[in-house]
PDB file of N, CA and C in Angstrom:
ATOM      1  N   UNK A   1      87.821 159.539  78.948  1.00  0.00           N
ATOM      2  CA  UNK A   1      86.901 158.763  79.594  1.00  0.00           C
ATOM      3  C   UNK A   1      86.822 158.102  79.595  1.00  0.00           C
ATOM      4  N   UNK A   2      86.700 156.603  81.008  1.00  0.00           N
ATOM      5  CA  UNK A   2      86.119 155.538  80.118  1.00  0.00           C
ATOM      6  C   UNK A   2      85.436 155.362  79.988  1.00  0.00           C
ATOM      7  N   UNK A   3      85.414 154.484  79.677  1.00  0.00           N
ATOM      8  CA  UNK A   3      84.425 154.032  78.014  1.00  0.00           C
ATOM      9  C   UNK A   3      83.334 153.553  79.713  1.00  0.00           C
ATOM     10  N   UNK A   4      83.431 152.995  80.547  1.00  0.00           N
ATOM     11  CA  UNK A   4      82.300 152.870  81.745  1.00  0.00           C
ATOM     12  C   UNK A   4      81.553 153.746  81.958  1.00  0.00           C
ATOM     13  N   UNK A   5      82.742 155.163  81.986  1.00  0.00           N
ATOM     14  CA  UNK A   5      81.377 156.231  82.261  1.00  0.00           C
ATOM     15  C   UNK A   5      80.337 156.526  81.499  1.00  0.00           C
ATOM     16  N   UNK A   6      81.240 156.970  79.798  1.00  0.00           N
ATOM     17  CA  UNK A   6      80.231 156.650  78.684  1.00  0.00           C
ATOM     18  C   UNK A   6      79.082 155.821  78.787  1.00  0.00           C
ATOM     19  N   UNK A   7      79.246 154.970  78.460  1.00  0.00           N
ATOM     20  CA  UNK A   7      78.722 153.869  78.890  1.00  0.00           C
ATOM     21  C   UNK A   7      76.987 154.099  79.887  1.00  0.00           C
ATOM     22  N   UNK A   8      78.167 154.521  81.121  1.00  0.00           N
ATOM     23  CA  UNK A   8      76.374 155.195  81.632  1.00  0.00           C
ATOM     24  C   UNK A   8      75.719 156.031  81.118  1.00  0.00           C
ATOM     25  N   UNK A   9      76.223 157.054  81.084  1.00  0.00           N
ATOM     26  CA  UNK A   9      75.821 158.156  80.677  1.00  0.00           C
ATOM     27  C   UNK A   9      74.558 158.120  79.324  1.00  0.00           C
ATOM     28  N   UNK A  10      75.394 156.946  77.542  1.00  0.00           N
ATOM     29  CA  UNK A  10      74.131 156.221  77.347  1.00  0.00           C
ATOM     30  C   UNK A  10      73.146 155.540  77.713  1.00  0.00           C
ATOM     31  N   UNK A  11      73.315 155.177  78.491  1.00  0.00           N
ATOM     32  CA  UNK A  11      72.341 154.440  79.433  1.00  0.00           C
ATOM     33  C   UNK A  11      71.691 154.856  79.723  1.00  0.00           C
ATOM     34  N   UNK A  12      72.001 155.775  80.375  1.00  0.00           N
ATOM     35  CA  UNK A  12      70.451 157.415  81.688  1.00  0.00           C
ATOM     36  C   UNK A  12      70.010 157.394  80.319  1.00  0.00           C
ATOM     37  N   UNK A  13      70.549 157.727  79.655  1.00  0.00           N
ATOM     38  CA  UNK A  13      69.646 159.191  77.912  1.00  0.00           C
ATOM     39  C   UNK A  13      68.741 157.787  77.399  1.00  0.00           C
ATOM     40  N   UNK A  14      69.357 156.937  77.270  1.00  0.00           N
ATOM     41  CA  UNK A  14      68.253 155.746  76.306  1.00  0.00           C
ATOM     42  C   UNK A  14      67.257 155.004  77.458  1.00  0.00           C
ATOM     43  N   UNK A  15      67.913 155.162  78.791  1.00  0.00           N
ATOM     44  CA  UNK A  15      66.212 154.246  79.346  1.00  0.00           C
ATOM     45  C   UNK A  15      65.086 155.318  79.148  1.00  0.00           C
ATOM     46  N   UNK A  16      65.134 156.910  78.357  1.00  0.00           N
ATOM     47  CA  UNK A  16      63.983 157.488  78.830  1.00  0.00           C
ATOM     48  C   UNK A  16      64.152 157.121  77.356  1.00  0.00           C
ATOM     49  N   UNK A  17      64.347 157.026  76.754  1.00  0.00           N
ATOM     50  CA  UNK A  17      63.526 156.702  75.153  1.00  0.00           C
ATOM     51  C   UNK A  17      63.060 155.213  75.266  1.00  0.00           C
ATOM     52  N   UNK A  18      62.328 154.388  76.107  1.00  0.00           N
ATOM     53  CA  UNK A  18      61.859 153.578  76.207  1.00  0.00           C
ATOM     54  C   UNK A  18      60.136 154.239  76.832  1.00  0.00           C
ATOM     55  N   UNK A  19      60.159 155.324  77.450  1.00  0.00           N
ATOM     56  CA  UNK A  19      59.357 155.743  77.474  1.00  0.00           C
ATOM     57  C   UNK A  19      58.372 156.177  76.288  1.00  0.00           C
ATOM     58  N   UNK A  20      59.186 156.560  75.143  1.00  0.00           N
ATOM     59  CA  UNK A  20      58.188 156.853  73.674  1.00  0.00           C
ATOM     60  C   UNK A  20      57.734 156.125  73.191  1.00  0.00           C
ATOM     61  N   UNK A  21      58.288 154.176  72.847  1.00  0.00           N
ATOM     62  CA  UNK A  21      57.000 153.445  71.854  1.00  0.00           C
ATOM     63  C   UNK A  21      56.788 152.288  72.799  1.00  0.00           C
ATOM     64  N   UNK A  22      57.039 152.537  73.866  1.00  0.00           N
ATOM     65  CA  UNK A  22      56.635 151.081  75.284  1.00  0.00           C
ATOM     66  C   UNK A  22      57.274 151.065  76.432  1.00  0.00           C
ATOM     67  N   UNK A  23      57.387 149.795  76.712  1.00  0.00           N
ATOM     68  CA  UNK A  23      58.544 150.131  77.685  1.00  0.00           C
ATOM     69  C   UNK A  23      58.299 148.412  77.750  1.00  0.00           C
ATOM     70  N   UNK A  24      59.432 148.024  78.949  1.00  0.00           N
ATOM     71  CA  UNK A  24      60.499 146.525  78.579  1.00  0.00           C
ATOM     72  C   UNK A  24      61.464 146.727  77.592  1.00  0.00           C
ATOM     73  N   UNK A  25      62.160 147.660  77.738  1.00  0.00           N
ATOM     74  CA  UNK A  25      63.235 147.630  75.605  1.00  0.00           C
ATOM     75  C   UNK A  25      64.286 147.219  76.857  1.00  0.00           C
ATOM     76  N   UNK A  26      64.809 146.271  76.583  1.00  0.00           N
ATOM     77  CA  UNK A  26      66.323 145.992  76.792  1.00  0.00           C
ATOM     78  C   UNK A  26      66.999 147.090  76.378  1.00  0.00           C
ATOM     79  N   UNK A  27      68.076 147.850  76.904  1.00  0.00           N
ATOM     80  CA  UNK A  27      69.242 148.686  76.824  1.00  0.00           C
ATOM     81  C   UNK A  27      70.557 147.919  77.537  1.00  0.00           C
ATOM     82  N   UNK A  28      70.846 148.266  76.487  1.00  0.00           N
ATOM     83  CA  UNK A  28      72.487 147.161  77.178  1.00  0.00           C
ATOM     84  C   UNK A  28      74.187 147.660  75.756  1.00  0.00           C
ATOM     85  N   UNK A  29      74.903 147.534  76.185  1.00  0.00           N
ATOM     86  CA  UNK A  29      76.143 148.115  75.595  1.00  0.00           C
ATOM     87  C   UNK A  29      76.120 146.663  75.174  1.00  0.00           C
ATOM     88  N   UNK A  30      77.322 146.470  73.299  1.00  0.00           N
ATOM     89  CA  UNK A  30      77.853 145.948  72.784  1.00  0.00           C
ATOM     90  C   UNK A  30      77.510 144.838  72.526  1.00  0.00           C
ATOM     91  N   UNK A  31      76.299 143.609  72.801  1.00  0.00           N
ATOM     92  CA  UNK A  31      75.507 142.911  72.587  1.00  0.00           C
ATOM     93  C   UNK A  31      74.387 142.487  73.153  1.00  0.00           C
ATOM     94  N   UNK A  32      73.144 141.774  71.901  1.00  0.00           N
ATOM     95  CA  UNK A  32      72.261 141.270  73.335  1.00  0.00           C
ATOM     96  C   UNK A  32      72.460 139.796  72.912  1.00  0.00           C
ATOM     97  N   UNK A  33      71.582 139.214  73.930  1.00  0.00           N
ATOM     98  CA  UNK A  33      71.514 138.003  74.916  1.00  0.00           C
ATOM     99  C   UNK A  33      70.526 137.629  73.563  1.00  0.00           C
ATOM    100  N   UNK A  34      70.888 136.759  72.051  1.00  0.00           N
ATOM    101  CA  UNK A  34      70.510 135.951  71.457  1.00  0.00           C
ATOM    102  C   UNK A  34      68.563 135.345  71.656  1.00  0.00           C
ATOM    103  N   UNK A  35      68.126 134.909  73.914  1.00  0.00           N
ATOM    104  CA  UNK A  35      66.813 135.307  74.069  1.00  0.00           C
ATOM    105  C   UNK A  35      66.180 136.316  74.605  1.00  0.00           C
ATOM    106  N   UNK A  36      66.771 137.575  74.200  1.00  0.00           N
ATOM    107  CA  UNK A  36      66.281 138.907  74.755  1.00  0.00           C
ATOM    108  C   UNK A  36      64.917 139.436  74.339  1.00  0.00           C
ATOM    109  N   UNK A  37      64.402 139.200  74.278  1.00  0.00           N
ATOM    110  CA  UNK A  37      63.241 139.722  73.695  1.00  0.00           C
ATOM    111  C   UNK A  37      63.633 141.393  72.961  1.00  0.00           C
ATOM    112  N   UNK A  38      62.531 141.453  72.073  1.00  0.00           N
ATOM    113  CA  UNK A  38      62.257 142.709  71.857  1.00  0.00           C
ATOM    114  C   UNK A  38      61.144 143.434  71.993  1.00  0.00           C
ATOM    115  N   UNK A  39      61.114 144.678  72.339  1.00  0.00           N
ATOM    116  CA  UNK A  39      62.147 145.604  71.371  1.00  0.00           C
ATOM    117  C   UNK A  39      63.188 145.736  72.483  1.00  0.00           C
ATOM    118  N   UNK A  40      64.613 146.348  71.884  1.00  0.00           N
ATOM    119  CA  UNK A  40      65.633 146.601  72.490  1.00  0.00           C
ATOM    120  C   UNK A  40      67.205 147.159  71.745  1.00  0.00           C
ATOM    121  N   UNK A  41      67.628 148.303  72.325  1.00  0.00           N
ATOM    122  CA  UNK A  41      68.998 149.017  71.646  1.00  0.00           C
ATOM    123  C   UNK A  41      70.028 148.608  72.064  1.00  0.00           C
ATOM    124  N   UNK A  42      71.097 147.969  71.303  1.00  0.00           N
ATOM    125  CA  UNK A  42      72.161 148.161  71.852  1.00  0.00           C
ATOM    126  C   UNK A  42      73.125 149.448  70.897  1.00  0.00           C
ATOM    127  N   UNK A  43      74.079 148.968  71.801  1.00  0.00           N
ATOM    128  CA  UNK A  43      75.216 150.645  71.448  1.00  0.00           C
ATOM    129  C   UNK A  43      76.506 149.997  71.533  1.00  0.00           C
ATOM    130  N   UNK A  44      76.804 149.965  70.665  1.00  0.00           N
ATOM    131  CA  UNK A  44      78.950 149.879  70.103  1.00  0.00           C
ATOM    132  C   UNK A  44      79.632 150.720  69.876  1.00  0.00           C
ATOM    133  N   UNK A  45      80.742 151.167  70.332  1.00  0.00           N
ATOM    134  CA  UNK A  45      81.342 152.250  69.989  1.00  0.00           C
ATOM    135  C   UNK A  45      82.551 151.768  68.287  1.00  0.00           C
ATOM    136  N   UNK A  46      82.965 152.616  68.085  1.00  0.00           N
ATOM    137  CA  UNK A  46      82.992 152.187  67.166  1.00  0.00           C
ATOM    138  C   UNK A  46      84.552 152.746  67.203  1.00  0.00           C
ATOM    139  N   UNK A  47      84.581 154.044  67.207  1.00  0.00           N
ATOM    140  CA  UNK A  47      86.115 154.652  67.316  1.00  0.00           C
ATOM    141  C   UNK A  47      86.152 155.920  68.431  1.00  0.00           C
ATOM    142  N   UNK A  48      87.257 155.205  69.351  1.00  0.00           N
ATOM    143  CA  UNK A  48      87.092 157.237  70.123  1.00  0.00           C
ATOM    144  C   UNK A  48      88.233 157.553  69.953  1.00  0.00           C
ATOM    145  N   UNK A  49      88.173 159.001  71.221  1.00  0.00           N
ATOM    146  CA  UNK A  49      89.686 159.862  70.921  1.00  0.00           C
ATOM    147  C   UNK A  49      88.990 160.871  72.005  1.00  0.00           C
ATOM    148  N   UNK A  50      90.494 161.456  72.506  1.00  0.00           N
ATOM    149  CA  UNK A  50      90.208 163.041  72.742  1.00  0.00           C
ATOM    150  C   UNK A  50      91.146 164.069  71.505  1.00  0.00           C
ATOM    151  N   UNK A  51      90.577 165.249  72.029  1.00  0.00           N
ATOM    152  CA  UNK A  51      90.698 166.341  70.962  1.00  0.00           C
ATOM    153  C   UNK A  51      91.921 166.748  71.924  1.00  0.00           C
ATOM    154  N   UNK A  52      93.471 167.362  71.278  1.00  0.00           N
ATOM    155  CA  UNK A  52      94.292 167.616  71.646  1.00  0.00           C
ATOM    156  C   UNK A  52      94.512 169.488  71.327  1.00  0.00           C
ATOM    157  N   UNK A  53      94.207 170.539  72.011  1.00  0.00           N
ATOM    158  CA  UNK A  53      94.378 171.735  71.737  1.00  0.00           C
ATOM    159  C   UNK A  53      95.974 172.367  71.586  1.00  0.00           C
ATOM    160  N   UNK A  54      96.022 173.274  71.433  1.00  0.00           N
ATOM    161  CA  UNK A  54      97.432 173.339  70.271  1.00  0.00           C
ATOM    162  C   UNK A  54      98.209 174.064  71.126  1.00  0.00           C
ATOM    163  N   UNK A  55      98.084 174.077  72.554  1.00  0.00           N
ATOM    164  CA  UNK A  55      98.616 174.269  74.210  1.00  0.00           C
ATOM    165  C   UNK A  55      98.876 173.097  74.293  1.00  0.00           C
ATOM    166  N   UNK A  56      98.861 172.209  74.309  1.00  0.00           N
ATOM    167  CA  UNK A  56      98.910 170.142  74.405  1.00  0.00           C
ATOM    168  C   UNK A  56      97.935 169.930  75.631  1.00  0.00           C
ATOM    169  N   UNK A  57      96.942 170.394  75.788  1.00  0.00           N
ATOM    170  CA  UNK A  57      95.881 169.885  76.886  1.00  0.00           C
ATOM    171  C   UNK A  57      95.024 169.330  76.056  1.00  0.00           C
ATOM    172  N   UNK A  58      94.014 168.514  76.876  1.00  0.00           N
ATOM    173  CA  UNK A  58      93.875 167.376  75.951  1.00  0.00           C
ATOM    174  C   UNK A  58      91.804 168.080  75.898  1.00  0.00           C
ATOM    175  N   UNK A  59      91.289 168.293  74.817  1.00  0.00           N
ATOM    176  CA  UNK A  59      89.505 168.888  75.230  1.00  0.00           C
ATOM    177  C   UNK A  59      88.608 167.414  75.141  1.00  0.00           C
ATOM    178  N   UNK A  60      87.491 168.156  74.676  1.00  0.00           N
ATOM    179  CA  UNK A  60      86.370 166.869  74.587  1.00  0.00           C
ATOM    180  C   UNK A  60      86.437 165.195  73.537  1.00  0.00           C
ATOM    181  N   UNK A  61      86.452 164.669  74.565  1.00  0.00           N
ATOM    182  CA  UNK A  61      86.360 163.582  74.074  1.00  0.00           C
ATOM    183  C   UNK A  61      85.305 162.954  73.031  1.00  0.00           C
ATOM    184  N   UNK A  62      85.748 163.029  72.197  1.00  0.00           N
ATOM    185  CA  UNK A  62      85.071 161.967  70.791  1.00  0.00           C
ATOM    186  C   UNK A  62      84.274 160.599  70.574  1.00  0.00           C
ATOM    187  N   UNK A  63      83.142 159.705  70.211  1.00  0.00           N
ATOM    188  CA  UNK A  63      83.486 158.679  69.946  1.00  0.00           C
ATOM    189  C   UNK A  63      82.780 158.884  68.822  1.00  0.00           C
ATOM    190  N   UNK A  64      82.786 157.666  67.998  1.00  0.00           N
ATOM    191  CA  UNK A  64      81.288 156.852  67.225  1.00  0.00           C
ATOM    192  C   UNK A  64      81.112 156.364  67.468  1.00  0.00           C
ATOM    193  N   UNK A  65      79.182 155.854  67.698  1.00  0.00           N
ATOM    194  CA  UNK A  65      78.831 154.790  68.039  1.00  0.00           C
ATOM    195  C   UNK A  65      77.952 154.292  66.838  1.00  0.00           C
ATOM    196  N   UNK A  66      77.730 153.313  67.338  1.00  0.00           N
ATOM    197  CA  UNK A  66      76.492 152.540  66.117  1.00  0.00           C
ATOM    198  C   UNK A  66      75.181 152.053  67.044  1.00  0.00           C
ATOM    199  N   UNK A  67      74.094 152.572  67.065  1.00  0.00           N
ATOM    200  CA  UNK A  67      72.934 152.493  68.148  1.00  0.00           C
ATOM    201  C   UNK A  67      72.252 151.551  66.917  1.00  0.00           C
ATOM    202  N   UNK A  68      71.747 149.925  67.798  1.00  0.00           N
ATOM    203  CA  UNK A  68      70.883 149.331  66.692  1.00  0.00           C
ATOM    204  C   UNK A  68      69.580 148.930  67.085  1.00  0.00           C
ATOM    205  N   UNK A  69      68.354 149.823  67.087  1.00  0.00           N
ATOM    206  CA  UNK A  69      67.662 149.358  67.340  1.00  0.00           C
ATOM    207  C   UNK A  69      66.467 148.409  66.714  1.00  0.00           C
ATOM    208  N   UNK A  70      66.068 147.355  67.684  1.00  0.00           N
ATOM    209  CA  UNK A  70      65.259 145.919  66.884  1.00  0.00           C
ATOM    210  C   UNK A  70      64.141 146.519  67.565  1.00  0.00           C
ATOM    211  N   UNK A  71      62.625 146.256  66.444  1.00  0.00           N
ATOM    212  CA  UNK A  71      61.292 146.155  66.863  1.00  0.00           C
ATOM    213  C   UNK A  71      60.611 144.357  66.045  1.00  0.00           C
ATOM    214  N   UNK A  72      59.197 144.454  65.933  1.00  0.00           N
ATOM    215  CA  UNK A  72      59.057 143.401  65.309  1.00  0.00           C
ATOM    216  C   UNK A  72      58.594 143.952  64.303  1.00  0.00           C
ATOM    217  N   UNK A  73      58.665 145.064  63.997  1.00  0.00           N
ATOM    218  CA  UNK A  73      57.764 145.210  62.728  1.00  0.00           C
ATOM    219  C   UNK A  73      58.687 146.881  62.095  1.00  0.00           C
ATOM    220  N   UNK A  74      58.512 147.447  60.794  1.00  0.00           N
ATOM    221  CA  UNK A  74      59.619 148.150  60.385  1.00  0.00           C
ATOM    222  C   UNK A  74      59.179 149.463  61.129  1.00  0.00           C
ATOM    223  N   UNK A  75      57.872 149.846  61.045  1.00  0.00           N
ATOM    224  CA  UNK A  75      57.881 151.282  61.310  1.00  0.00           C
ATOM    225  C   UNK A  75      57.832 151.588  63.266  1.00  0.00           C
ATOM    226  N   UNK A  76      57.386 150.191  63.872  1.00  0.00           N
ATOM    227  CA  UNK A  76      58.007 150.719  65.511  1.00  0.00           C
ATOM    228  C   UNK A  76      59.533 150.710  65.948  1.00  0.00           C
ATOM    229  N   UNK A  77      60.000 150.006  64.899  1.00  0.00           N
ATOM    230  CA  UNK A  77      61.639 149.873  65.261  1.00  0.00           C
ATOM    231  C   UNK A  77      61.897 151.753  64.423  1.00  0.00           C
ATOM    232  N   UNK A  78      61.734 152.287  63.637  1.00  0.00           N
ATOM    233  CA  UNK A  78      62.384 153.313  62.933  1.00  0.00           C
ATOM    234  C   UNK A  78      61.393 154.635  63.764  1.00  0.00           C
ATOM    235  N   UNK A  79      60.501 154.283  65.117  1.00  0.00           N
ATOM    236  CA  UNK A  79      59.684 155.431  65.779  1.00  0.00           C
ATOM    237  C   UNK A  79      60.222 154.706  66.947  1.00  0.00           C
ATOM    238  N   UNK A  80      61.138 154.009  67.442  1.00  0.00           N
ATOM    239  CA  UNK A  80      62.127 154.093  68.846  1.00  0.00           C
ATOM    240  C   UNK A  80      63.306 153.975  67.809  1.00  0.00           C
ATOM    241  N   UNK A  81      64.080 154.316  66.920  1.00  0.00           N
ATOM    242  CA  UNK A  81      65.265 155.432  67.023  1.00  0.00           C
ATOM    243  C   UNK A  81      65.132 156.624  66.570  1.00  0.00           C
ATOM    244  N   UNK A  82      63.698 156.912  66.300  1.00  0.00           N
ATOM    245  CA  UNK A  82      63.249 158.394  66.491  1.00  0.00           C
ATOM    246  C   UNK A  82      63.754 158.908  67.752  1.00  0.00           C
ATOM    247  N   UNK A  83      63.073 157.741  69.029  1.00  0.00           N
ATOM    248  CA  UNK A  83      63.027 158.621  70.243  1.00  0.00           C
ATOM    249  C   UNK A  83      64.208 158.465  71.312  1.00  0.00           C
ATOM    250  N   UNK A  84      65.021 157.005  70.549  1.00  0.00           N
ATOM    251  CA  UNK A  84      66.528 156.783  71.089  1.00  0.00           C
ATOM    252  C   UNK A  84      67.479 157.498  70.464  1.00  0.00           C
ATOM    253  N   UNK A  85      67.461 158.344  69.122  1.00  0.00           N
ATOM    254  CA  UNK A  85      68.251 159.846  68.962  1.00  0.00           C
ATOM    255  C   UNK A  85      68.036 161.267  70.016  1.00  0.00           C
ATOM    256  N   UNK A  86      66.412 161.208  69.850  1.00  0.00           N
ATOM    257  CA  UNK A  86      65.834 162.607  70.955  1.00  0.00           C
ATOM    258  C   UNK A  86      66.723 162.324  71.818  1.00  0.00           C
ATOM    259  N   UNK A  87      66.965 161.107  72.790  1.00  0.00           N
ATOM    260  CA  UNK A  87      66.350 160.908  74.347  1.00  0.00           C
ATOM    261  C   UNK A  87      68.013 161.417  73.698  1.00  0.00           C
ATOM    262  N   UNK A  88      69.084 160.959  73.000  1.00  0.00           N
ATOM    263  CA  UNK A  88      70.548 161.147  73.557  1.00  0.00           C
ATOM    264  C   UNK A  88      70.339 162.430  72.630  1.00  0.00           C
ATOM    265  N   UNK A  89      69.973 162.973  71.954  1.00  0.00           N
ATOM    266  CA  UNK A  89      70.426 164.320  71.816  1.00  0.00           C
ATOM    267  C   UNK A  89      69.663 165.939  73.214  1.00  0.00           C
ATOM    268  N   UNK A  90      68.878 165.112  73.946  1.00  0.00           N
ATOM    269  CA  UNK A  90      68.741 166.065  74.911  1.00  0.00           C
ATOM    270  C   UNK A  90      69.454 165.606  76.124  1.00  0.00           C
ATOM    271  N   UNK A  91      70.122 164.723  76.313  1.00  0.00           N
ATOM    272  CA  UNK A  91      70.992 164.741  77.174  1.00  0.00           C
ATOM    273  C   UNK A  91      72.589 165.824  77.251  1.00  0.00           C
ATOM    274  N   UNK A  92      72.662 166.398  78.503  1.00  0.00           N
ATOM    275  CA  UNK A  92      73.084 167.348  79.409  1.00  0.00           C
ATOM    276  C   UNK A  92      74.396 166.492  79.057  1.00  0.00           C
ATOM    277  N   UNK A  93      74.850 164.744  79.044  1.00  0.00           N
ATOM    278  CA  UNK A  93      75.981 164.772  78.941  1.00  0.00           C
ATOM    279  C   UNK A  93      77.104 165.161  78.259  1.00  0.00           C
ATOM    280  N   UNK A  94      76.260 165.164  77.625  1.00  0.00           N
ATOM    281  CA  UNK A  94      77.463 164.905  76.022  1.00  0.00           C
ATOM    282  C   UNK A  94      76.575 165.653  74.096  1.00  0.00           C
ATOM    283  N   UNK A  95      77.299 165.514  73.796  1.00  0.00           N
ATOM    284  CA  UNK A  95      76.857 166.760  72.343  1.00  0.00           C
ATOM    285  C   UNK A  95      76.809 164.942  71.265  1.00  0.00           C
ATOM    286  N   UNK A  96      75.475 165.287  70.868  1.00  0.00           N
ATOM    287  CA  UNK A  96      74.725 164.529  69.222  1.00  0.00           C
ATOM    288  C   UNK A  96      75.217 165.342  68.391  1.00  0.00           C
ATOM    289  N   UNK A  97      75.679 164.088  67.130  1.00  0.00           N
ATOM    290  CA  UNK A  97      75.372 164.102  65.978  1.00  0.00           C
ATOM    291  C   UNK A  97      75.391 162.645  65.897  1.00  0.00           C
ATOM    292  N   UNK A  98      74.826 162.812  64.358  1.00  0.00           N
ATOM    293  CA  UNK A  98      73.555 161.891  63.790  1.00  0.00           C
ATOM    294  C   UNK A  98      74.466 162.050  61.960  1.00  0.00           C
ATOM    295  N   UNK A  99      75.193 160.742  61.810  1.00  0.00           N
ATOM    296  CA  UNK A  99      75.997 160.407  60.778  1.00  0.00           C
ATOM    297  C   UNK A  99      74.854 160.334  59.496  1.00  0.00           C
ATOM    298  N   UNK A 100      74.306 158.583  60.033  1.00  0.00           N
ATOM    299  CA  UNK A 100      73.884 157.662  59.407  1.00  0.00           C
ATOM    300  C   UNK A 100      72.874 157.412  59.661  1.00  0.00           C
ATOM    301  N   UNK A 101      72.255 156.611  58.870  1.00  0.00           N
ATOM    302  CA  UNK A 101      70.876 155.733  59.402  1.00  0.00           C
ATOM    303  C   UNK A 101      70.861 154.926  58.463  1.00  0.00           C
ATOM    304  N   UNK A 102      70.372 153.235  58.821  1.00  0.00           N
ATOM    305  CA  UNK A 102      69.702 152.326  57.612  1.00  0.00           C
ATOM    306  C   UNK A 102      69.050 151.556  58.023  1.00  0.00           C
ATOM    307  N   UNK A 103      68.149 150.694  57.435  1.00  0.00           N
ATOM    308  CA  UNK A 103      67.016 149.666  58.260  1.00  0.00           C
ATOM    309  C   UNK A 103      67.396 148.224  57.415  1.00  0.00           C
ATOM    310  N   UNK A 104      66.883 147.132  58.399  1.00  0.00           N
ATOM    311  CA  UNK A 104      67.109 146.167  57.399  1.00  0.00           C
ATOM    312  C   UNK A 104      65.866 144.861  58.482  1.00  0.00           C
ATOM    313  N   UNK A 105      65.648 143.940  57.300  1.00  0.00           N
ATOM    314  CA  UNK A 105      64.288 142.879  58.564  1.00  0.00           C
ATOM    315  C   UNK A 105      65.589 142.328  58.182  1.00  0.00           C
ATOM    316  N   UNK A 106      65.419 141.397  59.420  1.00  0.00           N
ATOM    317  CA  UNK A 106      66.914 140.143  59.534  1.00  0.00           C
ATOM    318  C   UNK A 106      66.164 139.053  60.313  1.00  0.00           C
ATOM    319  N   UNK A 107      66.480 138.005  59.704  1.00  0.00           N
ATOM    320  CA  UNK A 107      65.167 136.576  60.556  1.00  0.00           C
ATOM    321  C   UNK A 107      66.071 136.491  61.499  1.00  0.00           C
ATOM    322  N   UNK A 108      64.893 136.088  62.362  1.00  0.00           N
ATOM    323  CA  UNK A 108      65.172 135.695  64.102  1.00  0.00           C
ATOM    324  C   UNK A 108      65.100 134.670  64.155  1.00  0.00           C
ATOM    325  N   UNK A 109      66.594 133.585  63.839  1.00  0.00           N
ATOM    326  CA  UNK A 109      66.705 132.358  63.980  1.00  0.00           C
ATOM    327  C   UNK A 109      65.091 131.283  62.690  1.00  0.00           C
ATOM    328  N   UNK A 110      64.615 130.527  64.180  1.00  0.00           N
ATOM    329  CA  UNK A 110      63.580 129.799  63.633  1.00  0.00           C
ATOM    330  C   UNK A 110      62.206 130.330  63.295  1.00  0.00           C
ATOM    331  N   UNK A 111      62.382 131.721  64.209  1.00  0.00           N
ATOM    332  CA  UNK A 111      61.146 132.373  64.376  1.00  0.00           C
ATOM    333  C   UNK A 111      60.459 132.204  63.228  1.00  0.00           C
ATOM    334  N   UNK A 112      59.071 132.642  62.553  1.00  0.00           N
ATOM    335  CA  UNK A 112      58.715 133.126  62.157  1.00  0.00           C
ATOM    336  C   UNK A 112      58.062 134.550  61.687  1.00  0.00           C
ATOM    337  N   UNK A 113      58.416 135.033  63.315  1.00  0.00           N
ATOM    338  CA  UNK A 113      58.478 136.476  63.430  1.00  0.00           C
ATOM    339  C   UNK A 113      60.042 137.565  62.604  1.00  0.00           C
ATOM    340  N   UNK A 114      59.718 138.417  61.770  1.00  0.00           N
ATOM    341  CA  UNK A 114      60.591 139.090  61.574  1.00  0.00           C
ATOM    342  C   UNK A 114      61.024 139.970  62.759  1.00  0.00           C
ATOM    343  N   UNK A 115      62.866 139.668  62.431  1.00  0.00           N
ATOM    344  CA  UNK A 115      63.103 141.239  63.587  1.00  0.00           C
ATOM    345  C   UNK A 115      63.742 142.543  62.321  1.00  0.00           C
ATOM    346  N   UNK A 116      63.062 143.887  62.417  1.00  0.00           N
ATOM    347  CA  UNK A 116      63.361 144.754  61.931  1.00  0.00           C
ATOM    348  C   UNK A 116      64.972 145.511  62.761  1.00  0.00           C
ATOM    349  N   UNK A 117      65.714 145.925  61.976  1.00  0.00           N
ATOM    350  CA  UNK A 117      66.644 146.607  63.110  1.00  0.00           C
ATOM    351  C   UNK A 117      66.979 148.432  61.782  1.00  0.00           C
ATOM    352  N   UNK A 118      67.137 149.494  62.809  1.00  0.00           N
ATOM    353  CA  UNK A 118      67.531 150.532  62.624  1.00  0.00           C
ATOM    354  C   UNK A 118      68.464 150.848  62.977  1.00  0.00           C
ATOM    355  N   UNK A 119      69.501 151.597  62.157  1.00  0.00           N
ATOM    356  CA  UNK A 119      71.069 152.275  62.849  1.00  0.00           C
ATOM    357  C   UNK A 119      71.042 153.004  62.867  1.00  0.00           C
ATOM    358  N   UNK A 120      72.014 153.880  63.758  1.00  0.00           N
ATOM    359  CA  UNK A 120      72.025 155.386  64.051  1.00  0.00           C
ATOM    360  C   UNK A 120      72.929 154.320  63.932  1.00  0.00           C
ATOM    361  N   UNK A 121      74.365 155.959  63.312  1.00  0.00           N
ATOM    362  CA  UNK A 121      75.416 156.201  63.273  1.00  0.00           C
ATOM    363  C   UNK A 121      75.599 157.290  63.975  1.00  0.00           C
ATOM    364  N   UNK A 122      76.658 157.851  64.811  1.00  0.00           N
ATOM    365  CA  UNK A 122      76.470 158.898  65.365  1.00  0.00           C
ATOM    366  C   UNK A 122      77.695 159.191  66.440  1.00  0.00           C
ATOM    367  N   UNK A 123      77.973 160.585  66.232  1.00  0.00           N
ATOM    368  CA  UNK A 123      78.930 160.724  67.060  1.00  0.00           C
ATOM    369  C   UNK A 123      78.354 161.957  68.334  1.00  0.00           C
ATOM    370  N   UNK A 124      79.419 161.019  68.942  1.00  0.00           N
ATOM    371  CA  UNK A 124      78.829 161.507  70.513  1.00  0.00           C
ATOM    372  C   UNK A 124      80.210 162.276  71.153  1.00  0.00           C
ATOM    373  N   UNK A 125      80.066 164.197  71.720  1.00  0.00           N
ATOM    374  CA  UNK A 125      80.910 164.812  72.277  1.00  0.00           C
ATOM    375  C   UNK A 125      80.451 164.837  73.627  1.00  0.00           C
ATOM    376  N   UNK A 126      82.045 164.677  74.198  1.00  0.00           N
ATOM    377  CA  UNK A 126      82.351 164.150  75.364  1.00  0.00           C
ATOM    378  C   UNK A 126      82.726 165.228  75.724  1.00  0.00           C
ATOM    379  N   UNK A 127      82.741 165.737  77.678  1.00  0.00           N
ATOM    380  CA  UNK A 127      82.893 166.664  78.407  1.00  0.00           C
ATOM    381  C   UNK A 127      84.605 166.647  78.378  1.00  0.00           C
ATOM    382  N   UNK A 128      85.649 166.906  78.133  1.00  0.00           N
ATOM    383  CA  UNK A 128      86.988 166.845  78.662  1.00  0.00           C
ATOM    384  C   UNK A 128      87.075 165.965  79.956  1.00  0.00           C
TER     385      UNK A 128
END
């Protein structure tokens, strides 16, 4: 499966998460423009590959992703991460398995408002 197709499926699923905690959530693969306001959801692929059956046919495509959820408070970052996970799990385009999650507060450049980051490590399994 091309990455563009996988990214579109992920974007489509995550766009439903924006209704849970608020509107105006920036959703994008790979990198967030520093000037983009929060909240934001960014995802990146860690590794990927198709599985091969014993008969030599290509099976499901598996990919490990990190989904980074950013907000101005820890609680809203965690709540948006829960919404994002629920939206991904509800997708019929792939199966979602959460591997781990972590959170941290990070500085936002010269601004005094902190940025809270919740990261979800996920394995997504797409159809062959």
